């Protein structure tokens, strides 16, 4: 089943990349930068900083359908450096996102911390907002714990004042190798994002993880309100 999932993802990615090449999109690359701070760096409902604050920054490049980027943040066991790339083809009202993410921890004492995931996502307009689904698959998850899947349903909607918006997501992390007898957990979040001072945004979000996460990852789940400020330029 895992090989079938990888084959399907590879086939879809190859089709999209082939179509992009045939389109011969000559769009010049553009770059965007971001830097920010958060009261707690949460990844899929689990704190990465032992519930302490984090600072982060990244750069994104887009060129036609293609995108690539890098992002870094402090975590409890060192520094996380993410590299990602993919394509965003559009078919009718559906925007696809087909890519891969590498999660690196260059100065970590945690054995086998680095891993990568493939990504297949799609979104559609929903009134003035958007609705989306996403699927991530890693053949060897964090700590070499075997294959892992993450499924997500997400959405966003603009608010009628100041460029603010509300957004949320619900996801399920499944693990091939059970931790403390638990082979996965569910997480969801909901919050509001407000732009201010031209290039700054503030995000206030409630993040929840179910009891399975608390069992499988003792001390790292965080059912709490998280505040984040980010500058983009």
C-alpha atoms as a PDB file:
ATOM      1  CA  UNK A   1       0.000   0.000   0.000  1.00  0.00           C
ATOM      2  CA  UNK A   2       2.800   2.435   0.825  1.00  0.00           C
ATOM      3  CA  UNK A   3       4.520   1.679  -2.486  1.00  0.00           C
ATOM      4  CA  UNK A   4       1.223   2.273  -4.272  1.00  0.00           C
ATOM      5  CA  UNK A   5       0.835   5.645  -2.551  1.00  0.00           C
ATOM      6  CA  UNK A   6       4.336   6.672  -3.571  1.00  0.00           C
ATOM      7  CA  UNK A   7       3.760   5.507  -7.136  1.00  0.00           C
ATOM      8  CA  UNK A   8       0.522   7.479  -7.400  1.00  0.00           C
ATOM      9  CA  UNK A   9       2.162  10.612  -6.005  1.00  0.00           C
ATOM     10  CA  UNK A  10       5.093  10.203  -8.399  1.00  0.00           C
ATOM     11  CA  UNK A  11       2.757   9.733 -11.354  1.00  0.00           C
ATOM     12  CA  UNK A  12       0.758  12.843 -10.531  1.00  0.00           C
ATOM     13  CA  UNK A  13       3.936  14.862  -9.969  1.00  0.00           C
ATOM     14  CA  UNK A  14       5.430  13.671 -13.252  1.00  0.00           C
ATOM     15  CA  UNK A  15       2.279  14.630 -15.145  1.00  0.00           C
ATOM     16  CA  UNK A  16       2.213  18.101 -13.594  1.00  0.00           C
ATOM     17  CA  UNK A  17       5.911  18.698 -14.205  1.00  0.00           C
ATOM     18  CA  UNK A  18       5.568  17.509 -17.779  1.00  0.00           C
ATOM     19  CA  UNK A  19       2.640  19.835 -18.405  1.00  0.00           C
ATOM     20  CA  UNK A  20       4.576  22.719 -16.878  1.00  0.00           C
ATOM     21  CA  UNK A  21       7.537  22.049 -19.138  1.00  0.00           C
ATOM     22  CA  UNK A  22       5.296  21.850 -22.222  1.00  0.00           C
ATOM     23  CA  UNK A  23       3.784  25.199 -21.286  1.00  0.00           C
ATOM     24  CA  UNK A  24       7.313  26.669 -21.432  1.00  0.00           C
ATOM     25  CA  UNK A  25       6.512  29.194 -18.747  1.00  0.00           C
ATOM     26  CA  UNK A  26       9.238  31.835 -18.945  1.00  0.00           C
ATOM     27  CA  UNK A  27       8.124  33.799 -15.895  1.00  0.00           C
ATOM     28  CA  UNK A  28      11.076  35.434 -14.161  1.00  0.00           C
ATOM     29  CA  UNK A  29      11.622  34.216 -10.592  1.00  0.00           C
ATOM     30  CA  UNK A  30      10.436  36.425  -7.749  1.00  0.00           C
ATOM     31  CA  UNK A  31      11.545  36.248  -4.133  1.00  0.00           C
ATOM     32  CA  UNK A  32       9.768  36.895  -0.843  1.00  0.00           C
ATOM     33  CA  UNK A  33      11.249  36.910   2.653  1.00  0.00           C
ATOM     34  CA  UNK A  34       9.726  36.498   6.092  1.00  0.00           C
ATOM     35  CA  UNK A  35      10.841  36.681   9.706  1.00  0.00           C
ATOM     36  CA  UNK A  36       8.835  36.354  12.882  1.00  0.00           C
ATOM     37  CA  UNK A  37       8.335  35.074  16.394  1.00  0.00           C
ATOM     38  CA  UNK A  38       5.767  32.819  18.044  1.00  0.00           C
ATOM     39  CA  UNK A  39       4.868  32.053  21.645  1.00  0.00           C
ATOM     40  CA  UNK A  40       5.182  28.300  20.945  1.00  0.00           C
ATOM     41  CA  UNK A  41       6.276  26.564  17.735  1.00  0.00           C
ATOM     42  CA  UNK A  42       3.615  23.913  17.146  1.00  0.00           C
ATOM     43  CA  UNK A  43       3.885  21.375  14.334  1.00  0.00           C
ATOM     44  CA  UNK A  44       0.720  19.358  13.758  1.00  0.00           C
ATOM     45  CA  UNK A  45      -0.421  20.114  17.265  1.00  0.00           C
ATOM     46  CA  UNK A  46       2.833  19.177  19.015  1.00  0.00           C
ATOM     47  CA  UNK A  47       5.208  21.708  20.540  1.00  0.00           C
ATOM     48  CA  UNK A  48       8.705  21.709  19.059  1.00  0.00           C
ATOM     49  CA  UNK A  49      10.126  24.103  21.655  1.00  0.00           C
ATOM     50  CA  UNK A  50       8.993  22.526  24.947  1.00  0.00           C
ATOM     51  CA  UNK A  51       6.221  25.174  25.015  1.00  0.00           C
ATOM     52  CA  UNK A  52       8.770  28.012  24.845  1.00  0.00           C
ATOM     53  CA  UNK A  53       8.859  30.843  22.241  1.00  0.00           C
ATOM     54  CA  UNK A  54      10.546  30.506  18.860  1.00  0.00           C
ATOM     55  CA  UNK A  55      11.973  32.851  16.239  1.00  0.00           C
ATOM     56  CA  UNK A  56      11.896  31.902  12.576  1.00  0.00           C
ATOM     57  CA  UNK A  57      12.651  33.157   9.092  1.00  0.00           C
ATOM     58  CA  UNK A  58      12.500  32.028   5.503  1.00  0.00           C
ATOM     59  CA  UNK A  59      12.769  32.816   1.808  1.00  0.00           C
ATOM     60  CA  UNK A  60      10.438  31.753  -1.024  1.00  0.00           C
ATOM     61  CA  UNK A  61      11.033  31.755  -4.767  1.00  0.00           C
ATOM     62  CA  UNK A  62       8.292  31.467  -7.386  1.00  0.00           C
ATOM     63  CA  UNK A  63       8.665  31.173 -11.161  1.00  0.00           C
ATOM     64  CA  UNK A  64       5.471  30.414 -13.044  1.00  0.00           C
ATOM     65  CA  UNK A  65       4.107  27.143 -11.699  1.00  0.00           C
ATOM     66  CA  UNK A  66       7.282  26.342  -9.779  1.00  0.00           C
ATOM     67  CA  UNK A  67       8.198  27.305  -6.240  1.00  0.00           C
ATOM     68  CA  UNK A  68      11.021  26.568  -3.824  1.00  0.00           C
ATOM     69  CA  UNK A  69      12.044  27.845  -0.440  1.00  0.00           C
ATOM     70  CA  UNK A  70      13.915  27.494   2.807  1.00  0.00           C
ATOM     71  CA  UNK A  71      12.805  28.128   6.382  1.00  0.00           C
ATOM     72  CA  UNK A  72      14.475  27.862   9.796  1.00  0.00           C
ATOM     73  CA  UNK A  73      13.454  28.006  13.461  1.00  0.00           C
ATOM     74  CA  UNK A  74      14.814  27.127  16.849  1.00  0.00           C
ATOM     75  CA  UNK A  75      13.461  23.895  18.346  1.00  0.00           C
ATOM     76  CA  UNK A  76      13.984  22.259  21.704  1.00  0.00           C
ATOM     77  CA  UNK A  77      16.784  20.038  20.358  1.00  0.00           C
ATOM     78  CA  UNK A  78      18.612  22.609  18.215  1.00  0.00           C
ATOM     79  CA  UNK A  79      17.776  24.305  14.926  1.00  0.00           C
ATOM     80  CA  UNK A  80      15.303  23.111  12.311  1.00  0.00           C
ATOM     81  CA  UNK A  81      16.050  23.918   8.659  1.00  0.00           C
ATOM     82  CA  UNK A  82      13.380  23.075   6.083  1.00  0.00           C
ATOM     83  CA  UNK A  83      13.879  22.913   2.319  1.00  0.00           C
ATOM     84  CA  UNK A  84      10.921  22.540  -0.021  1.00  0.00           C
ATOM     85  CA  UNK A  85       9.985  22.713  -3.693  1.00  0.00           C
ATOM     86  CA  UNK A  86       7.095  21.884  -5.973  1.00  0.00           C
ATOM     87  CA  UNK A  87       4.623  22.994  -8.617  1.00  0.00           C
ATOM     88  CA  UNK A  88       1.156  24.560  -8.409  1.00  0.00           C
ATOM     89  CA  UNK A  89      -0.765  23.688 -11.579  1.00  0.00           C
ATOM     90  CA  UNK A  90      -4.352  24.892 -11.995  1.00  0.00           C
ATOM     91  CA  UNK A  91      -7.123  22.747 -13.486  1.00  0.00           C
ATOM     92  CA  UNK A  92     -10.435  24.563 -13.741  1.00  0.00           C
ATOM     93  CA  UNK A  93     -11.287  25.906 -10.280  1.00  0.00           C
ATOM     94  CA  UNK A  94      -8.786  23.609  -8.551  1.00  0.00           C
ATOM     95  CA  UNK A  95      -5.266  24.710  -7.627  1.00  0.00           C
ATOM     96  CA  UNK A  96      -2.938  21.780  -6.953  1.00  0.00           C
ATOM     97  CA  UNK A  97       0.248  21.799  -4.889  1.00  0.00           C
ATOM     98  CA  UNK A  98       2.584  18.893  -5.634  1.00  0.00           C
ATOM     99  CA  UNK A  99       5.966  18.929  -3.912  1.00  0.00           C
ATOM    100  CA  UNK A 100       8.330  17.687  -1.244  1.00  0.00           C
ATOM    101  CA  UNK A 101       9.674  18.966   2.079  1.00  0.00           C
ATOM    102  CA  UNK A 102      12.965  18.080   3.785  1.00  0.00           C
ATOM    103  CA  UNK A 103      13.165  18.660   7.548  1.00  0.00           C
ATOM    104  CA  UNK A 104      16.788  18.984   8.651  1.00  0.00           C
ATOM    105  CA  UNK A 105      18.297  19.357  12.131  1.00  0.00           C
ATOM    106  CA  UNK A 106      22.004  20.017  11.491  1.00  0.00           C
ATOM    107  CA  UNK A 107      23.090  20.540  15.108  1.00  0.00           C
ATOM    108  CA  UNK A 108      20.734  18.083  16.797  1.00  0.00           C
ATOM    109  CA  UNK A 109      21.763  15.425  19.284  1.00  0.00           C
ATOM    110  CA  UNK A 110      18.586  13.500  18.420  1.00  0.00           C
ATOM    111  CA  UNK A 111      19.502  10.430  16.383  1.00  0.00           C
ATOM    112  CA  UNK A 112      17.962  10.181  12.901  1.00  0.00           C
ATOM    113  CA  UNK A 113      15.937  13.365  13.366  1.00  0.00           C
ATOM    114  CA  UNK A 114      16.023  14.474   9.700  1.00  0.00           C
ATOM    115  CA  UNK A 115      13.382  13.179   7.273  1.00  0.00           C
ATOM    116  CA  UNK A 116      11.415  14.180   4.175  1.00  0.00           C
ATOM    117  CA  UNK A 117       7.792  14.119   3.057  1.00  0.00           C
ATOM    118  CA  UNK A 118       5.974  14.196  -0.253  1.00  0.00           C
ATOM    119  CA  UNK A 119       3.000  16.540  -0.511  1.00  0.00           C
ATOM    120  CA  UNK A 120      -0.184  16.437  -2.600  1.00  0.00           C
ATOM    121  CA  UNK A 121      -2.718  19.204  -1.916  1.00  0.00           C
ATOM    122  CA  UNK A 122      -5.628  20.890  -3.650  1.00  0.00           C
ATOM    123  CA  UNK A 123      -7.780  23.945  -2.958  1.00  0.00           C
ATOM    124  CA  UNK A 124     -10.909  25.510  -4.448  1.00  0.00           C
ATOM    125  CA  UNK A 125     -12.672  28.858  -4.018  1.00  0.00           C
ATOM    126  CA  UNK A 126     -15.558  28.792  -1.546  1.00  0.00           C
ATOM    127  CA  UNK A 127     -17.407  32.079  -1.748  1.00  0.00           C
ATOM    128  CA  UNK A 128     -14.831  34.684  -0.813  1.00  0.00           C
ATOM    129  CA  UNK A 129     -12.696  32.071   0.939  1.00  0.00           C
ATOM    130  CA  UNK A 130     -11.007  28.785   0.100  1.00  0.00           C
ATOM    131  CA  UNK A 131     -11.354  25.134   1.039  1.00  0.00           C
ATOM    132  CA  UNK A 132      -8.466  22.693   0.778  1.00  0.00           C
ATOM    133  CA  UNK A 133      -7.274  19.162   1.376  1.00  0.00           C
ATOM    134  CA  UNK A 134      -3.705  17.938   1.786  1.00  0.00           C
ATOM    135  CA  UNK A 135      -1.874  14.642   2.106  1.00  0.00           C
ATOM    136  CA  UNK A 136       1.724  14.175   3.262  1.00  0.00           C
ATOM    137  CA  UNK A 137       3.635  10.904   3.144  1.00  0.00           C
ATOM    138  CA  UNK A 138       7.058  10.135   4.608  1.00  0.00           C
ATOM    139  CA  UNK A 139       8.731   6.784   3.879  1.00  0.00           C
ATOM    140  CA  UNK A 140      10.825   7.188   7.056  1.00  0.00           C
ATOM    141  CA  UNK A 141       9.469   9.568   9.675  1.00  0.00           C
ATOM    142  CA  UNK A 142      11.255  11.522  12.441  1.00  0.00           C
ATOM    143  CA  UNK A 143      13.642   9.288  14.399  1.00  0.00           C
ATOM    144  CA  UNK A 144      13.423   6.527  11.762  1.00  0.00           C
ATOM    145  CA  UNK A 145      10.047   5.397  13.085  1.00  0.00           C
ATOM    146  CA  UNK A 146       8.893   4.056   9.730  1.00  0.00           C
ATOM    147  CA  UNK A 147       6.348   5.360   7.213  1.00  0.00           C
ATOM    148  CA  UNK A 148       3.872   8.050   8.253  1.00  0.00           C
ATOM    149  CA  UNK A 149       0.820   9.719   6.737  1.00  0.00           C
ATOM    150  CA  UNK A 150      -0.796  13.065   7.486  1.00  0.00           C
ATOM    151  CA  UNK A 151      -4.234  14.014   6.140  1.00  0.00           C
ATOM    152  CA  UNK A 152      -5.664  17.519   6.470  1.00  0.00           C
ATOM    153  CA  UNK A 153      -8.820  19.475   5.672  1.00  0.00           C
ATOM    154  CA  UNK A 154      -8.411  23.259   5.837  1.00  0.00           C
ATOM    155  CA  UNK A 155     -10.187  26.483   5.000  1.00  0.00           C
ATOM    156  CA  UNK A 156      -9.989  30.257   5.235  1.00  0.00           C
ATOM    157  CA  UNK A 157     -12.364  33.201   4.919  1.00  0.00           C
ATOM    158  CA  UNK A 158     -11.683  36.952   4.784  1.00  0.00           C
ATOM    159  CA  UNK A 159     -13.306  39.173   7.383  1.00  0.00           C
ATOM    160  CA  UNK A 160     -15.016  42.439   6.394  1.00  0.00           C
ATOM    161  CA  UNK A 161     -12.487  44.698   8.080  1.00  0.00           C
ATOM    162  CA  UNK A 162      -8.824  45.610   7.771  1.00  0.00           C
ATOM    163  CA  UNK A 163      -7.787  42.707   5.559  1.00  0.00           C
ATOM    164  CA  UNK A 164      -8.228  40.258   8.438  1.00  0.00           C
ATOM    165  CA  UNK A 165      -9.138  36.608   7.867  1.00  0.00           C
ATOM    166  CA  UNK A 166     -10.146  33.515   9.812  1.00  0.00           C
ATOM    167  CA  UNK A 167      -8.738  30.079   9.071  1.00  0.00           C
ATOM    168  CA  UNK A 168      -8.633  26.591  10.476  1.00  0.00           C
ATOM    169  CA  UNK A 169      -7.602  23.012   9.814  1.00  0.00           C
ATOM    170  CA  UNK A 170      -8.197  19.518  11.115  1.00  0.00           C
ATOM    171  CA  UNK A 171      -5.664  16.761  10.527  1.00  0.00           C
ATOM    172  CA  UNK A 172      -4.836  13.168  11.347  1.00  0.00           C
ATOM    173  CA  UNK A 173      -1.236  11.973  11.838  1.00  0.00           C
ATOM    174  CA  UNK A 174      -0.842   8.217  11.345  1.00  0.00           C
ATOM    175  CA  UNK A 175       2.301   6.331  12.356  1.00  0.00           C
ATOM    176  CA  UNK A 176       3.413   2.928  11.125  1.00  0.00           C
ATOM    177  CA  UNK A 177       5.266   2.214  14.357  1.00  0.00           C
ATOM    178  CA  UNK A 178       3.155   2.762  17.443  1.00  0.00           C
ATOM    179  CA  UNK A 179       4.489   4.916  20.283  1.00  0.00           C
ATOM    180  CA  UNK A 180       3.281   3.828  23.719  1.00  0.00           C
ATOM    181  CA  UNK A 181       0.684   1.716  21.908  1.00  0.00           C
ATOM    182  CA  UNK A 182      -0.704   4.688  19.930  1.00  0.00           C
ATOM    183  CA  UNK A 183      -0.429   4.693  16.131  1.00  0.00           C
ATOM    184  CA  UNK A 184      -1.704   8.206  15.485  1.00  0.00           C
ATOM    185  CA  UNK A 185      -3.561  11.240  16.742  1.00  0.00           C
ATOM    186  CA  UNK A 186      -5.941  13.993  15.618  1.00  0.00           C
ATOM    187  CA  UNK A 187      -5.260  17.730  15.808  1.00  0.00           C
ATOM    188  CA  UNK A 188      -7.160  20.860  14.844  1.00  0.00           C
ATOM    189  CA  UNK A 189      -6.668  24.599  14.991  1.00  0.00           C
ATOM    190  CA  UNK A 190      -8.683  27.763  14.413  1.00  0.00           C
ATOM    191  CA  UNK A 191      -7.643  31.390  14.522  1.00  0.00           C
ATOM    192  CA  UNK A 192      -7.642  34.900  13.129  1.00  0.00           C
ATOM    193  CA  UNK A 193      -4.903  36.707  11.170  1.00  0.00           C
ATOM    194  CA  UNK A 194      -4.747  40.510  11.126  1.00  0.00           C
ATOM    195  CA  UNK A 195      -2.352  42.594   8.970  1.00  0.00           C
ATOM    196  CA  UNK A 196      -0.956  45.848  10.345  1.00  0.00           C
ATOM    197  CA  UNK A 197       1.757  48.397   9.567  1.00  0.00           C
ATOM    198  CA  UNK A 198       1.882  47.365   5.903  1.00  0.00           C
ATOM    199  CA  UNK A 199       4.219  44.352   6.105  1.00  0.00           C
ATOM    200  CA  UNK A 200       3.310  42.816   9.484  1.00  0.00           C
ATOM    201  CA  UNK A 201       0.683  40.233  10.407  1.00  0.00           C
ATOM    202  CA  UNK A 202      -0.480  39.022  13.806  1.00  0.00           C
ATOM    203  CA  UNK A 203      -2.040  35.583  14.226  1.00  0.00           C
ATOM    204  CA  UNK A 204      -3.923  34.354  17.291  1.00  0.00           C
ATOM    205  CA  UNK A 205      -4.823  30.672  17.160  1.00  0.00           C
ATOM    206  CA  UNK A 206      -6.172  27.896  19.355  1.00  0.00           C
ATOM    207  CA  UNK A 207      -4.475  24.535  18.759  1.00  0.00           C
ATOM    208  CA  UNK A 208      -5.855  21.233  20.041  1.00  0.00           C
ATOM    209  CA  UNK A 209      -4.480  17.699  20.055  1.00  0.00           C
ATOM    210  CA  UNK A 210      -6.380  14.669  21.278  1.00  0.00           C
ATOM    211  CA  UNK A 211      -5.420  12.436  24.189  1.00  0.00           C
ATOM    212  CA  UNK A 212      -3.590   9.966  21.910  1.00  0.00           C
ATOM    213  CA  UNK A 213      -0.989  12.647  21.163  1.00  0.00           C
ATOM    214  CA  UNK A 214      -0.434  13.202  24.884  1.00  0.00           C
ATOM    215  CA  UNK A 215       0.206   9.479  25.317  1.00  0.00           C
ATOM    216  CA  UNK A 216       2.389   8.987  22.236  1.00  0.00           C
ATOM    217  CA  UNK A 217       4.493  12.092  22.802  1.00  0.00           C
ATOM    218  CA  UNK A 218       4.646  12.667  26.543  1.00  0.00           C
ATOM    219  CA  UNK A 219       5.020  16.349  27.390  1.00  0.00           C
ATOM    220  CA  UNK A 220       4.950  17.664  23.815  1.00  0.00           C
ATOM    221  CA  UNK A 221       1.253  18.203  23.092  1.00  0.00           C
ATOM    222  CA  UNK A 222      -0.130  21.708  23.545  1.00  0.00           C
ATOM    223  CA  UNK A 223      -3.827  22.518  23.771  1.00  0.00           C
ATOM    224  CA  UNK A 224      -3.437  26.252  23.986  1.00  0.00           C
ATOM    225  CA  UNK A 225      -3.716  29.674  22.384  1.00  0.00           C
ATOM    226  CA  UNK A 226      -0.630  30.620  20.369  1.00  0.00           C
ATOM    227  CA  UNK A 227       0.313  34.109  19.217  1.00  0.00           C
ATOM    228  CA  UNK A 228       2.558  34.802  16.218  1.00  0.00           C
ATOM    229  CA  UNK A 229       3.893  37.993  14.624  1.00  0.00           C
ATOM    230  CA  UNK A 230       5.444  37.860  11.155  1.00  0.00           C
ATOM    231  CA  UNK A 231       6.992  40.402   8.800  1.00  0.00           C
ATOM    232  CA  UNK A 232       6.930  39.711   5.054  1.00  0.00           C
ATOM    233  CA  UNK A 233       8.878  41.643   2.459  1.00  0.00           C
END
